[in-house]
Protein backbone atom coordinates (compact mmCIF):
# COMPACT_ATOMS: atom_id res chain seq x y z
CA MET A 1 -20.48 -55.35 -57.41
CA VAL A 2 -21.70 -55.64 -53.83
CA LEU A 3 -25.44 -55.77 -53.49
CA LEU A 4 -26.44 -55.49 -49.86
CA SER A 5 -29.93 -55.22 -48.40
CA LEU A 6 -30.65 -54.25 -44.82
CA LEU A 7 -34.05 -55.06 -43.43
CA THR A 8 -35.70 -54.76 -40.04
CA SER A 9 -38.11 -57.37 -38.82
CA GLU A 10 -40.84 -57.27 -36.18
CA ALA A 11 -40.72 -61.00 -35.41
CA LYS A 12 -37.74 -61.46 -33.08
CA ALA A 13 -35.01 -59.32 -31.54
CA ASP A 14 -31.71 -60.52 -33.05
CA LEU A 15 -28.99 -59.56 -35.50
CA ARG A 16 -29.44 -62.04 -38.35
CA LEU A 17 -27.44 -62.51 -41.50
CA CYS A 18 -28.91 -64.17 -44.58
CA ASN A 19 -26.76 -65.63 -47.34
CA LYS A 20 -28.80 -65.06 -50.51
CA THR A 21 -26.16 -66.57 -52.79
CA GLU A 22 -25.68 -70.07 -54.21
CA SER A 23 -22.30 -70.37 -52.40
CA LYS A 24 -21.13 -71.31 -48.93
CA VAL A 25 -20.19 -68.14 -47.02
CA GLY A 26 -18.01 -67.53 -43.94
CA VAL A 27 -18.93 -64.56 -41.72
CA ALA A 28 -17.13 -62.59 -39.01
CA ILE A 29 -18.66 -59.84 -36.86
CA GLY A 30 -17.23 -56.91 -34.92
CA TYR A 31 -18.91 -54.86 -32.20
CA LYS A 32 -18.24 -52.80 -29.08
CA ASP A 33 -19.22 -54.51 -25.84
CA LYS A 34 -19.33 -52.72 -22.46
CA THR A 35 -15.56 -52.19 -22.34
CA ASP A 36 -13.82 -53.07 -25.60
CA TRP A 37 -14.08 -53.86 -29.29
CA VAL A 38 -14.60 -57.56 -30.03
CA THR A 39 -14.41 -59.54 -33.26
CA GLU A 40 -15.78 -63.07 -33.61
CA GLY A 41 -15.89 -65.64 -36.40
CA TRP A 42 -16.55 -67.80 -38.24
CA TRP A 43 -20.17 -68.59 -38.91
CA ASN A 44 -20.47 -70.81 -41.97
CA LEU A 45 -23.71 -70.36 -43.86
CA GLY A 46 -24.88 -72.60 -46.63
CA PRO A 47 -26.49 -71.26 -49.79
CA ASN A 48 -29.78 -69.40 -49.24
CA SER A 49 -29.70 -69.72 -45.46
CA CYS A 50 -29.82 -67.41 -42.43
CA GLU A 51 -28.05 -67.42 -39.06
CA VAL A 52 -28.44 -65.39 -35.87
CA LEU A 53 -25.10 -63.67 -35.15
CA VAL A 54 -26.22 -61.75 -32.06
CA PRO A 55 -29.14 -63.31 -30.15
CA GLY A 56 -31.60 -61.12 -28.27
CA ALA A 57 -32.23 -57.39 -28.32
CA LEU A 58 -29.37 -55.42 -29.86
CA VAL A 59 -27.46 -53.27 -27.38
CA SER A 60 -25.25 -51.43 -29.87
CA ARG A 61 -26.17 -49.18 -32.76
CA PHE A 62 -23.20 -50.17 -34.94
CA TYR A 63 -22.06 -53.66 -35.92
CA TYR A 64 -19.40 -54.61 -38.44
CA ILE A 65 -19.44 -57.54 -40.88
CA TYR A 66 -16.81 -59.24 -43.01
CA ALA A 67 -17.75 -62.23 -45.17
CA VAL A 68 -16.06 -64.45 -47.73
CA ASP A 69 -17.60 -66.54 -50.50
CA TYR A 70 -15.84 -69.91 -50.25
CA ASP A 71 -17.01 -71.09 -53.68
CA GLN A 72 -16.61 -67.98 -55.88
CA PHE A 73 -13.71 -66.44 -53.88
CA GLY A 74 -15.44 -63.05 -53.46
CA GLU A 75 -15.81 -61.06 -50.28
CA TRP A 76 -17.89 -58.42 -48.53
CA GLY A 77 -15.72 -55.95 -46.67
CA GLY A 78 -15.14 -52.29 -45.96
CA ARG A 79 -12.87 -49.74 -44.36
CA ALA A 80 -13.46 -50.47 -40.67
CA TYR A 81 -10.32 -52.45 -39.85
CA MET A 82 -10.50 -55.11 -37.15
CA CYS A 83 -8.67 -58.30 -36.21
CA THR A 84 -9.48 -61.77 -37.56
CA ARG A 85 -7.91 -65.22 -37.79
CA GLU A 86 -8.28 -68.06 -40.27
CA LYS A 87 -9.79 -70.42 -37.70
CA GLU A 88 -12.60 -69.86 -35.19
CA PHE A 89 -11.85 -66.82 -33.02
CA THR A 90 -12.93 -64.27 -30.43
CA ILE A 91 -10.47 -61.38 -30.31
CA ARG A 92 -10.62 -58.45 -27.88
CA GLY A 93 -9.30 -55.14 -29.20
CA ILE A 94 -8.78 -53.88 -32.75
CA GLU A 95 -5.33 -52.34 -32.35
CA ASP A 96 -2.04 -53.82 -33.59
CA CYS A 97 -3.70 -56.88 -35.18
CA VAL A 98 -0.62 -58.09 -37.05
CA ALA A 99 1.75 -57.44 -34.12
CA ARG A 100 -0.56 -59.57 -31.94
CA GLY A 101 -0.51 -62.44 -34.44
CA HIS A 102 -3.84 -61.75 -36.14
CA GLU A 103 -4.87 -60.53 -39.58
CA ARG A 104 -6.05 -56.95 -40.18
CA THR A 105 -9.34 -57.17 -42.08
CA GLY A 106 -11.71 -54.51 -43.45
CA PHE A 107 -15.31 -54.84 -42.24
CA PHE A 108 -18.37 -52.94 -43.49
CA GLU A 109 -20.53 -51.00 -41.05
CA ILE A 110 -24.14 -51.78 -40.18
CA ASP A 111 -26.03 -48.86 -38.64
CA THR A 112 -29.07 -50.40 -36.96
CA GLY A 113 -30.49 -46.99 -36.05
CA GLU A 114 -30.77 -48.31 -32.49
CA GLN A 115 -33.39 -50.86 -33.52
CA SER A 116 -33.65 -53.91 -31.26
CA ASN A 117 -33.42 -56.30 -34.22
CA TRP A 118 -31.83 -56.23 -37.69
CA THR A 119 -31.33 -58.52 -40.68
CA VAL A 120 -28.45 -58.24 -43.16
CA GLN A 121 -28.76 -59.93 -46.56
CA LEU A 122 -25.66 -60.75 -48.60
CA THR A 123 -25.97 -61.09 -52.37
CA GLU A 124 -23.38 -61.23 -55.18
CA PRO A 125 -19.94 -60.93 -53.56
CA VAL A 126 -17.17 -58.73 -54.90
CA GLN A 127 -14.86 -60.76 -57.16
CA GLN A 128 -11.05 -60.50 -56.89
CA GLY A 129 -9.82 -57.60 -59.00
CA THR A 130 -13.12 -55.71 -59.08
CA GLY A 131 -12.89 -53.65 -55.92
CA GLY A 132 -12.28 -56.33 -53.31
CA ARG A 133 -9.35 -56.33 -50.94
């Protein structure tokens, strides 16, 4: 089961992601910039650690996250399909992922409510065969 907590913080304007598991986690993010959809990855977070994914005040209301648990082989995903790759990437556009040589991956949506900062906490990833991709 996915257990996901979303918290706002007054301290600093950023989009942060905290890995609240005992596993190493890889994270990709999707967002709309001024002209196009962009996906970026991978941030590798150790157990019980946090990382800033988008520094500074947030300029978009919606962000999209996909994460994998490297140790337990679970994942956090959703139905917002965007492009990814196995290795470090920045990909412009979310159309025709496979035809362009990328993978088509389901991200989950973060609605920041137009806050200038947001923190996402990942806990207990979905295990293969129990609702994951």
